[in-house]
Amino acid sequence: MLGCNLYFAPRIKADRIDMQWSFGGHPTWYAPRLAAIWGPLAFAVFIRLVIGAAQIYTPDKVHGAEIGLALYSAIMLAVHVVTLKIAAR
């Protein structure tokens, strides 16, 4: 995600970026450029830290976290790349 941010950030000229689309393909809400580019990365790191803390402090209640984190990371990256590609057009 960091690499995508560094690649796409200079290519995005708009002040606000579409963050979610309706089924008809129209944007439903926008975020400021800085928040849209760096917010998802901060959110992903936060979730990783929460799950890591859960693995350390409550290991008996956390099962299969590795596969969940891998899937979560892949989905977050894919959505982030699509959002940034659309914004860079």
Protein backbone atom coordinates (compact mmCIF):
# COMPACT_ATOMS: atom_id res chain seq x y z
CA MET A 1 0.00 0.00 0.00
CA LEU A 2 2.86 2.34 0.74
CA GLY A 3 4.31 1.80 -2.72
CA CYS A 4 0.91 2.43 -4.33
CA ASN A 5 0.53 5.63 -2.34
CA LEU A 6 3.96 6.88 -3.38
CA TYR A 7 3.26 6.00 -7.03
CA PHE A 8 -0.26 7.41 -7.30
CA ALA A 9 -0.10 10.45 -4.97
CA PRO A 10 1.65 12.76 -7.49
CA ARG A 11 -0.74 11.61 -10.24
CA ILE A 12 -3.90 12.53 -8.33
CA LYS A 13 -4.78 16.18 -8.88
CA ALA A 14 -8.28 16.34 -7.36
CA ASP A 15 -8.83 17.76 -3.89
CA ARG A 16 -11.47 15.13 -3.09
CA ILE A 17 -11.45 11.44 -4.08
CA ASP A 18 -14.43 9.15 -4.66
CA MET A 19 -14.41 6.56 -1.88
CA GLN A 20 -17.55 4.51 -2.48
CA TRP A 21 -19.80 3.92 -5.47
CA SER A 22 -23.47 3.01 -5.84
CA PHE A 23 -24.60 0.02 -7.85
CA GLY A 24 -25.24 2.47 -10.69
CA GLY A 25 -21.55 3.43 -10.70
CA HIS A 26 -21.97 6.91 -9.21
CA PRO A 27 -19.87 8.07 -6.23
CA THR A 28 -21.80 8.10 -2.96
CA TRP A 29 -19.21 9.90 -0.84
CA TYR A 30 -15.84 11.59 -1.14
CA ALA A 31 -12.84 12.07 1.12
CA PRO A 32 -10.16 14.75 1.16
CA ARG A 33 -7.16 13.77 -0.95
CA LEU A 34 -4.77 13.26 1.98
CA ALA A 35 -7.26 11.17 3.96
CA ALA A 36 -8.18 9.07 0.93
CA ILE A 37 -4.58 8.27 0.09
CA TRP A 38 -3.12 7.70 3.56
CA GLY A 39 -6.20 6.83 5.64
CA PRO A 40 -6.58 3.26 4.36
CA LEU A 41 -2.91 2.56 5.08
CA ALA A 42 -3.27 3.88 8.63
CA PHE A 43 -6.44 1.81 9.07
CA ALA A 44 -4.71 -1.36 7.80
CA VAL A 45 -1.77 -0.84 10.17
CA PHE A 46 -4.15 -0.21 13.08
CA ILE A 47 -6.09 -3.42 12.39
CA ARG A 48 -2.82 -5.35 12.14
CA LEU A 49 -1.69 -3.96 15.50
CA VAL A 50 -5.02 -4.85 17.14
CA ILE A 51 -4.86 -8.42 15.82
CA GLY A 52 -1.20 -8.68 16.82
CA ALA A 53 -2.04 -7.52 20.34
CA ALA A 54 -4.87 -10.05 20.50
CA GLN A 55 -2.45 -12.81 19.45
CA ILE A 56 -0.04 -11.81 22.23
CA TYR A 57 -2.47 -11.10 25.07
CA THR A 58 -5.30 -13.56 24.32
CA PRO A 59 -3.73 -16.35 22.24
CA ASP A 60 -6.35 -18.88 23.34
CA LYS A 61 -9.12 -16.78 21.74
CA VAL A 62 -7.37 -16.03 18.43
CA HIS A 63 -7.38 -18.85 15.88
CA GLY A 64 -6.37 -18.67 12.24
CA ALA A 65 -5.26 -15.05 12.42
CA GLU A 66 -2.55 -15.53 9.80
CA ILE A 67 -4.90 -16.55 6.99
CA GLY A 68 -7.36 -13.85 8.04
CA LEU A 69 -4.65 -11.21 7.96
CA ALA A 70 -3.44 -12.41 4.57
CA LEU A 71 -6.95 -12.21 3.11
CA TYR A 72 -7.64 -8.87 4.78
CA SER A 73 -4.37 -7.45 3.44
CA ALA A 74 -5.04 -8.68 -0.10
CA ILE A 75 -8.57 -7.25 -0.13
CA MET A 76 -7.49 -3.91 1.35
CA LEU A 77 -4.68 -3.62 -1.19
CA ALA A 78 -6.95 -4.47 -4.14
CA VAL A 79 -9.61 -1.97 -3.09
CA HIS A 80 -7.01 0.71 -2.42
CA VAL A 81 -5.33 0.21 -5.80
CA VAL A 82 -8.66 0.40 -7.64
CA THR A 83 -9.61 3.57 -5.74
CA LEU A 84 -6.28 5.22 -6.49
CA LYS A 85 -6.34 4.17 -10.17
CA ILE A 86 -9.78 5.70 -10.60
CA ALA A 87 -8.69 8.87 -8.81
CA ALA A 88 -5.56 9.19 -10.98
CA ARG A 89 -7.60 9.26 -14.22
